[in-house]
């Protein structure tokens, strides 16, 4: 143990004094067997607390005291004069063996404790470094994303002016090319927004402004905005909304974002002549919640991938060659948005038979369900 020299000296003196007290008690009682084990007490304390050297010294002191008592009390009764010496040597061997074993055990535990402390300090330092690196990375990512949005917005406005014909009439081929460029600009803008939202989610700063929202209105809006893409891909897009569906307590912009991410994946992984369906109904097994589901007839998801599909940067396999791969943030952001609004999200899928992504939102008239801040 890491004691000061004064404390070590006092402890050693105490062990020697305790040996003397045990010997004195042994002498006064005159009972040899009853006090045999008590000589090991100071030996064990010295070896455990101070180390092998001090333990051996106390062991020698204990064997010496034993020899003196043995000579004074039983020397006249032994058949041979060397028996007290052999007894003392045997006691010294036993005391020394106990001292060495306990000293080594104490040293091993001390080294293990010190290694654990050093490891804990290393882990703390690594954790601090990791947090610092994540902070720098997130700050850099946030700054770069914000700086990209300004020129990207200017490009978007310029392309919109051209496609609207405000800068002059365009040939059909020119209009088609500009429309394709505008589509890629929109995709890039969504990627930048995903990067910003992922950074905010990691920092716990995703903004949620809950209010009463009609699911059927947002669903109809998403069907209307995504139908051109679905028609272009040859995919049927439809909605099945239960009648008298109550309003939910949610952020309408965030609900649109969740549905867009789910629809984007569904359209990306559904082959031509497939079907994508949005369903909304009350969750019978969870009173006070509305369940919204996006189903597709795509390739499905392997069971191994379903476990990590909502993790950050996870990218599914099997998209068509013409669809963009994306950043692997859409489902991660969807999970964060659903969770922070008091709901949960999950996937059900069979390989070759499609997938269904479902999420819940609390009913607006159920005050016990409060969105997370």
Protein backbone atom coordinates (compact mmCIF):
# COMPACT_ATOMS: atom_id res chain seq x y z
CA UNK A 1 0.00 0.00 0.00
CA UNK A 2 1.13 3.58 -0.66
CA UNK A 3 1.78 4.66 2.91
CA UNK A 4 4.19 7.30 4.16
CA UNK A 5 7.43 6.09 5.80
CA UNK A 6 6.14 7.11 9.24
CA UNK A 7 2.96 5.09 8.87
CA UNK A 8 4.89 2.09 7.57
CA UNK A 9 7.23 2.28 10.57
CA UNK A 10 4.33 2.53 12.99
CA UNK A 11 2.53 -0.38 11.33
CA UNK A 12 5.66 -2.52 11.45
CA UNK A 13 6.25 -1.66 15.11
CA UNK A 14 2.63 -2.50 15.84
CA UNK A 15 2.96 -5.92 14.17
CA UNK A 16 6.12 -6.68 16.20
CA UNK A 17 4.41 -5.50 19.40
CA UNK A 18 1.39 -7.67 18.62
CA UNK A 19 3.73 -10.64 18.21
CA UNK A 20 5.15 -9.92 21.65
CA UNK A 21 1.65 -9.70 23.15
CA UNK A 22 0.69 -13.04 21.59
CA UNK A 23 3.90 -14.58 23.00
CA UNK A 24 3.20 -13.10 26.44
CA UNK A 25 -0.33 -14.48 26.43
CA UNK A 26 1.03 -17.82 25.28
CA UNK A 27 3.53 -17.84 28.14
CA UNK A 28 1.02 -16.79 30.81
CA UNK A 29 -1.58 -19.37 29.82
CA UNK A 30 0.88 -22.13 29.13
CA UNK A 31 -1.45 -23.67 26.55
CA UNK A 32 0.62 -24.44 23.47
CA UNK A 33 -2.02 -25.44 20.92
CA UNK A 34 -4.52 -22.67 21.70
CA UNK A 35 -2.08 -19.88 20.71
CA UNK A 36 -0.47 -21.49 17.67
CA UNK A 37 -2.76 -19.78 15.18
CA UNK A 38 -2.54 -16.37 16.82
CA UNK A 39 1.12 -15.96 15.81
CA UNK A 40 -0.10 -15.78 12.21
CA UNK A 41 -2.18 -12.64 12.88
CA UNK A 42 0.72 -10.13 13.06
CA UNK A 43 2.56 -12.03 10.31
CA UNK A 44 -0.47 -11.79 8.01
CA UNK A 45 -1.06 -8.11 8.80
CA UNK A 46 2.55 -7.17 8.14
CA UNK A 47 2.75 -9.16 4.90
CA UNK A 48 -0.58 -7.84 3.59
CA UNK A 49 -0.10 -4.20 4.54
CA UNK A 50 3.67 -3.71 4.30
CA UNK A 51 4.97 -6.36 1.93
CA UNK A 52 7.00 -9.55 1.90
CA UNK A 53 10.14 -8.25 3.65
CA UNK A 54 8.29 -6.93 6.69
CA UNK A 55 6.15 -10.04 6.77
CA UNK A 56 9.23 -12.25 6.88
CA UNK A 57 10.74 -10.16 9.66
CA UNK A 58 7.59 -10.50 11.75
CA UNK A 59 7.51 -14.21 10.87
CA UNK A 60 11.05 -14.53 12.24
CA UNK A 61 10.02 -12.61 15.37
CA UNK A 62 7.01 -14.88 15.83
CA UNK A 63 9.11 -18.04 15.44
CA UNK A 64 11.66 -16.65 17.91
CA UNK A 65 8.98 -15.89 20.51
CA UNK A 66 7.53 -19.32 19.93
CA UNK A 67 10.98 -20.89 20.46
CA UNK A 68 11.47 -18.98 23.71
CA UNK A 69 8.10 -20.05 25.08
CA UNK A 70 8.58 -23.59 23.86
CA UNK A 71 11.98 -23.78 25.56
CA UNK A 72 10.74 -22.31 28.82
CA UNK A 73 7.46 -24.17 29.05
CA UNK A 74 8.07 -27.54 27.43
CA UNK A 75 11.79 -27.96 27.12
CA UNK A 76 12.11 -30.19 30.20
CA UNK A 77 9.46 -32.61 28.92
CA UNK A 78 10.91 -33.28 25.41
CA UNK A 79 12.79 -36.50 24.90
CA UNK A 80 15.44 -34.69 22.87
CA UNK A 81 16.93 -31.28 23.39
CA UNK A 82 16.73 -30.30 19.70
CA UNK A 83 12.97 -30.66 19.49
CA UNK A 84 12.30 -26.98 20.41
CA UNK A 85 14.65 -25.96 17.60
CA UNK A 86 12.90 -28.16 15.08
CA UNK A 87 9.53 -26.81 16.25
CA UNK A 88 10.79 -23.26 15.83
CA UNK A 89 12.09 -23.99 12.33
CA UNK A 90 8.78 -25.60 11.35
CA UNK A 91 6.85 -22.57 12.67
CA UNK A 92 9.24 -20.25 10.82
CA UNK A 93 8.64 -22.14 7.57
CA UNK A 94 4.87 -21.96 8.02
CA UNK A 95 4.93 -18.29 8.99
CA UNK A 96 7.25 -17.45 6.09
CA UNK A 97 5.10 -19.34 3.59
CA UNK A 98 1.96 -17.52 4.74
CA UNK A 99 3.85 -14.24 4.61
CA UNK A 100 5.08 -14.79 1.04
CA UNK A 101 1.66 -15.91 -0.22
CA UNK A 102 -0.20 -12.98 1.34
CA UNK A 103 2.44 -10.46 0.21
CA UNK A 104 2.24 -11.69 -3.38
CA UNK A 105 -1.57 -11.67 -3.29
CA UNK A 106 -1.58 -8.14 -1.87
CA UNK A 107 0.91 -6.97 -4.50
CA UNK A 108 -1.13 -8.57 -7.28
CA UNK A 109 -4.32 -6.91 -6.07
CA UNK A 110 -2.50 -3.60 -5.76
CA UNK A 111 -1.17 -3.88 -9.32
CA UNK A 112 -4.60 -4.83 -10.57
CA UNK A 113 -6.16 -1.90 -8.74
CA UNK A 114 -3.55 0.46 -10.13
CA UNK A 115 -4.03 -0.94 -13.63
CA UNK A 116 -7.79 -0.49 -13.29
CA UNK A 117 -7.31 3.11 -12.22
CA UNK A 118 -4.94 3.77 -15.10
CA UNK A 119 -7.36 2.10 -17.49
CA UNK A 120 -10.23 4.19 -16.15
CA UNK A 121 -8.14 7.33 -16.61
CA UNK A 122 -7.27 6.24 -20.15
CA UNK A 123 -10.91 5.58 -20.94
CA UNK A 124 -11.85 8.97 -19.53
CA UNK A 125 -9.16 10.65 -21.61
CA UNK A 126 -10.26 8.76 -24.74
CA UNK A 127 -13.89 9.60 -24.06
CA UNK A 128 -12.99 13.26 -23.66
CA UNK A 129 -10.99 13.16 -26.88
CA UNK A 130 -13.84 11.39 -28.69
CA UNK A 131 -16.34 13.98 -27.49
CA UNK A 132 -14.00 16.76 -28.55
CA UNK A 133 -13.55 15.18 -31.99
CA UNK A 134 -17.31 14.73 -32.36
CA UNK A 135 -17.87 18.35 -31.37
CA UNK A 136 -15.31 19.57 -33.89
CA UNK A 137 -16.75 17.30 -36.57
CA UNK A 138 -20.32 18.40 -35.87
CA UNK A 139 -19.34 22.07 -35.83
CA UNK A 140 -17.46 21.66 -39.09
CA UNK A 141 -20.34 19.72 -40.62
CA UNK A 142 -22.85 22.31 -39.47
CA UNK A 143 -20.77 25.21 -40.77
CA UNK A 144 -20.09 23.55 -44.12
CA UNK A 145 -23.76 22.65 -44.51
CA UNK A 146 -24.88 26.19 -43.79
CA UNK A 147 -22.30 27.63 -46.16
CA UNK A 148 -23.47 25.27 -48.91
CA UNK A 149 -27.11 26.25 -48.53
CA UNK A 150 -26.56 29.85 -49.63
CA UNK A 151 -25.02 29.19 -53.08
CA UNK A 152 -27.33 26.20 -53.52
CA UNK A 153 -30.36 28.42 -52.94
CA UNK A 154 -29.05 30.84 -55.56
CA UNK A 155 -28.61 28.00 -58.08
CA UNK A 156 -32.13 26.79 -57.31
CA UNK A 157 -33.64 30.24 -57.89
CA UNK A 158 -31.71 30.66 -61.14
CA UNK A 159 -32.80 27.25 -62.45
CA UNK A 160 -36.39 27.99 -61.45
CA UNK A 161 -36.29 31.25 -63.39
CA UNK A 162 -35.04 29.41 -66.45
CA UNK A 163 -37.53 26.54 -66.25
CA UNK A 164 -40.41 28.99 -65.75
CA UNK A 165 -39.42 30.77 -68.96
CA UNK A 166 -38.82 34.11 -67.27
CA UNK A 167 -35.40 34.40 -68.96
CA UNK A 168 -36.72 33.49 -72.39
CA UNK A 169 -38.31 30.59 -74.20
CA UNK A 170 -36.58 27.20 -73.97
CA UNK A 171 -36.36 24.31 -76.31
CA UNK A 172 -37.94 21.05 -75.07
CA UNK A 173 -34.53 19.44 -74.65
CA UNK A 174 -33.25 22.46 -72.73
CA UNK A 175 -36.30 22.40 -70.46
CA UNK A 176 -35.81 18.71 -69.81
CA UNK A 177 -32.16 19.17 -68.96
CA UNK A 178 -32.91 22.06 -66.62
CA UNK A 179 -35.65 20.07 -64.92
CA UNK A 180 -33.18 17.26 -64.30
CA UNK A 181 -30.63 19.72 -62.91
CA UNK A 182 -33.30 21.24 -60.65
CA UNK A 183 -34.21 17.78 -59.42
CA UNK A 184 -30.60 17.09 -58.43
CA UNK A 185 -30.34 20.48 -56.74
CA UNK A 186 -33.42 19.60 -54.67
CA UNK A 187 -31.85 16.27 -53.75
CA UNK A 188 -28.64 17.98 -52.70
CA UNK A 189 -30.62 20.47 -50.61
CA UNK A 190 -32.37 17.60 -48.84
CA UNK A 191 -29.02 15.91 -48.17
CA UNK A 192 -27.70 19.10 -46.59
CA UNK A 193 -30.84 19.37 -44.49
CA UNK A 194 -30.38 15.76 -43.40
CA UNK A 195 -26.81 16.53 -42.34
CA UNK A 196 -27.99 19.49 -40.27
CA UNK A 197 -30.81 17.49 -38.68
CA UNK A 198 -28.49 14.58 -37.88
CA UNK A 199 -26.08 17.01 -36.21
CA UNK A 200 -28.92 18.57 -34.20
CA UNK A 201 -30.22 15.12 -33.25
CA UNK A 202 -26.81 14.09 -31.90
CA UNK A 203 -26.69 17.29 -29.86
CA UNK A 204 -30.28 16.91 -28.66
CA UNK A 205 -31.28 20.15 -30.38
CA UNK A 206 -33.93 18.99 -32.87
CA UNK A 207 -36.69 21.58 -32.75
CA UNK A 208 -40.21 20.22 -32.28
CA UNK A 209 -43.27 22.50 -32.25
CA UNK A 210 -46.28 20.25 -31.54
CA UNK A 211 -49.83 21.29 -32.39
CA UNK A 212 -53.06 19.69 -33.51
CA UNK A 213 -52.45 18.03 -36.86
CA UNK A 214 -54.84 16.24 -39.18
CA UNK A 215 -53.09 13.18 -40.54
CA UNK A 216 -55.36 12.92 -43.58
CA UNK A 217 -54.37 16.41 -44.75
CA UNK A 218 -50.64 15.74 -44.51
CA UNK A 219 -51.08 12.34 -46.15
CA UNK A 220 -53.02 13.85 -49.05
CA UNK A 221 -50.32 16.49 -49.48
CA UNK A 222 -47.56 13.86 -49.56
CA UNK A 223 -49.49 11.75 -52.08
CA UNK A 224 -49.95 14.80 -54.28
CA UNK A 225 -46.29 15.85 -54.19
CA UNK A 226 -44.85 12.34 -54.65
CA UNK A 227 -47.26 11.08 -57.29
CA UNK A 228 -45.28 12.55 -60.25
CA UNK A 229 -42.18 10.65 -59.15
CA UNK A 230 -44.21 7.48 -58.59
CA UNK A 231 -45.79 7.78 -62.05
CA UNK A 232 -42.37 8.29 -63.58
CA UNK A 233 -41.14 5.11 -61.89
CA UNK A 234 -44.26 3.17 -62.84
CA UNK A 235 -45.30 2.64 -59.20
CA UNK A 236 -48.85 2.91 -57.89
CA UNK A 237 -49.10 5.33 -54.95
CA UNK A 238 -52.25 5.31 -52.80
CA UNK A 239 -53.55 6.08 -49.32
CA UNK A 240 -55.88 4.24 -46.96
CA UNK A 241 -57.00 6.49 -44.11
CA UNK A 242 -59.47 5.35 -41.47
CA UNK A 243 -62.64 7.39 -41.14
CA UNK A 244 -63.06 9.72 -38.17
CA UNK A 245 -59.32 9.62 -37.48
CA UNK A 246 -58.60 11.99 -34.57
CA UNK A 247 -56.06 14.78 -34.76
CA UNK A 248 -52.57 14.07 -33.43
CA UNK A 249 -50.29 16.23 -31.33
CA UNK A 250 -47.23 16.67 -33.53
CA UNK A 251 -45.11 19.09 -35.51
CA UNK A 252 -46.65 19.16 -39.01
CA UNK A 253 -43.35 20.01 -40.71
CA UNK A 254 -41.64 17.11 -38.94
CA UNK A 255 -44.47 14.71 -39.82
CA UNK A 256 -44.04 15.69 -43.47
CA UNK A 257 -40.31 15.08 -43.14
CA UNK A 258 -40.88 11.63 -41.63
CA UNK A 259 -43.33 10.65 -44.35
CA UNK A 260 -41.07 12.01 -47.07
CA UNK A 261 -38.13 9.93 -45.82
CA UNK A 262 -40.27 6.79 -45.63
CA UNK A 263 -41.84 7.40 -49.05
CA UNK A 264 -38.47 8.20 -50.57
CA UNK A 265 -37.12 4.83 -49.41
CA UNK A 266 -40.27 2.98 -50.46
CA UNK A 267 -40.16 4.41 -53.99
CA UNK A 268 -36.42 3.83 -54.22
CA UNK A 269 -36.64 0.13 -53.35
CA UNK A 270 -39.90 -0.75 -55.13
CA UNK A 271 -39.62 -2.10 -58.69
CA UNK A 272 -41.70 -0.97 -61.64
CA UNK A 273 -45.40 -1.91 -61.46
CA UNK A 274 -45.11 -2.17 -57.69
CA UNK A 275 -47.28 -0.44 -55.10
CA UNK A 276 -46.63 1.96 -52.22
CA UNK A 277 -49.42 2.57 -49.74
CA UNK A 278 -49.81 5.00 -46.83
CA UNK A 279 -52.16 3.78 -44.11
CA UNK A 280 -53.34 5.59 -40.99
CA UNK A 281 -55.52 4.20 -38.20
CA UNK A 282 -55.93 4.21 -34.45
CA UNK A 283 -53.49 1.88 -32.71
CA UNK A 284 -55.71 -0.67 -30.95
CA UNK A 285 -52.90 -2.10 -28.82
CA UNK A 286 -51.75 1.40 -27.81
CA UNK A 287 -54.77 3.54 -26.82
CA UNK A 288 -54.23 7.21 -27.42
CA UNK A 289 -51.96 6.74 -30.43
CA UNK A 290 -52.46 6.95 -34.19
CA UNK A 291 -50.39 4.56 -36.30
CA UNK A 292 -49.16 5.69 -39.72
CA UNK A 293 -47.58 3.07 -41.97
CA UNK A 294 -45.84 3.17 -45.35
CA UNK A 295 -45.93 -0.20 -47.13
CA UNK A 296 -44.22 -1.22 -50.35
CA UNK A 297 -43.98 -4.31 -52.53
CA UNK A 298 -40.23 -4.13 -52.91
CA UNK A 299 -37.47 -6.63 -52.23
CA UNK A 300 -37.86 -6.54 -48.48
CA UNK A 301 -35.18 -6.34 -45.83
CA UNK A 302 -33.09 -9.18 -44.45
CA UNK A 303 -33.67 -9.88 -40.73
CA UNK A 304 -30.04 -9.02 -39.93
CA UNK A 305 -30.40 -5.59 -41.53
CA UNK A 306 -33.67 -4.84 -39.72
CA UNK A 307 -31.80 -4.68 -36.42
CA UNK A 308 -29.59 -1.76 -37.52
CA UNK A 309 -31.69 -0.12 -40.21
CA UNK A 310 -32.48 2.92 -38.04
CA UNK A 311 -28.83 3.47 -37.16
CA UNK A 312 -26.93 6.47 -38.44
CA UNK A 313 -25.28 6.07 -41.87
CA UNK A 314 -26.94 2.73 -42.52
CA UNK A 315 -27.60 2.22 -46.24
CA UNK A 316 -29.89 -0.43 -47.63
CA UNK A 317 -28.93 -2.64 -50.52
CA UNK A 318 -30.97 -3.37 -53.59
CA UNK A 319 -31.98 0.05 -54.89
CA UNK A 320 -32.44 0.45 -58.61
CA UNK A 321 -29.46 1.52 -60.63
CA UNK A 322 -31.00 4.92 -61.40
CA UNK A 323 -31.88 5.84 -57.82
CA UNK A 324 -29.50 7.75 -55.62
CA UNK A 325 -27.84 5.93 -52.76
CA UNK A 326 -28.23 8.76 -50.25
CA UNK A 327 -26.34 9.43 -47.04
CA UNK A 328 -27.97 6.78 -44.86
CA UNK A 329 -29.51 9.39 -42.56
CA UNK A 330 -33.19 9.35 -43.53
CA UNK A 331 -34.38 6.55 -41.24
CA UNK A 332 -32.11 7.69 -38.43
CA UNK A 333 -33.64 11.16 -38.56
CA UNK A 334 -37.15 9.69 -38.85
CA UNK A 335 -36.56 7.67 -35.68
CA UNK A 336 -35.29 10.72 -33.80
CA UNK A 337 -38.25 12.84 -34.93
CA UNK A 338 -40.82 10.19 -34.02
CA UNK A 339 -39.25 9.53 -30.62
CA UNK A 340 -39.08 13.21 -29.74
CA UNK A 341 -42.77 13.58 -30.51
CA UNK A 342 -43.72 10.82 -28.08
CA UNK A 343 -44.10 7.94 -30.52
CA UNK A 344 -42.10 4.98 -31.72
CA UNK A 345 -41.11 3.60 -35.12
CA UNK A 346 -40.45 0.05 -36.34
CA UNK A 347 -40.23 -2.05 -39.48
CA UNK A 348 -41.85 -5.32 -40.55
CA UNK A 349 -40.47 -6.99 -43.64
CA UNK A 350 -40.13 -10.27 -45.48
CA UNK A 351 -37.50 -10.79 -48.12
CA UNK A 352 -39.09 -10.70 -51.54
CA UNK A 353 -42.49 -9.54 -50.24
CA UNK A 354 -41.92 -5.90 -49.33
CA UNK A 355 -41.63 -3.84 -46.17
CA UNK A 356 -43.86 -1.81 -43.88
CA UNK A 357 -42.48 1.07 -41.85
CA UNK A 358 -44.86 2.11 -39.08
CA UNK A 359 -44.73 4.92 -36.55
CA UNK A 360 -47.08 6.23 -33.89
CA UNK A 361 -48.04 9.72 -32.82
CA UNK A 362 -50.07 10.67 -29.72
CA UNK A 363 -53.70 11.72 -30.14
CA UNK A 364 -54.13 15.44 -29.51
CA UNK A 365 -56.93 14.85 -26.99
CA UNK A 366 -54.78 12.53 -24.84
CA UNK A 367 -52.95 14.94 -22.45
CA UNK A 368 -51.03 12.16 -20.74
CA UNK A 369 -48.87 11.72 -23.87
CA UNK A 370 -46.40 14.60 -23.92
CA UNK A 371 -43.84 14.96 -26.73
CA UNK A 372 -40.24 14.93 -25.62
CA UNK A 373 -38.44 18.28 -25.66
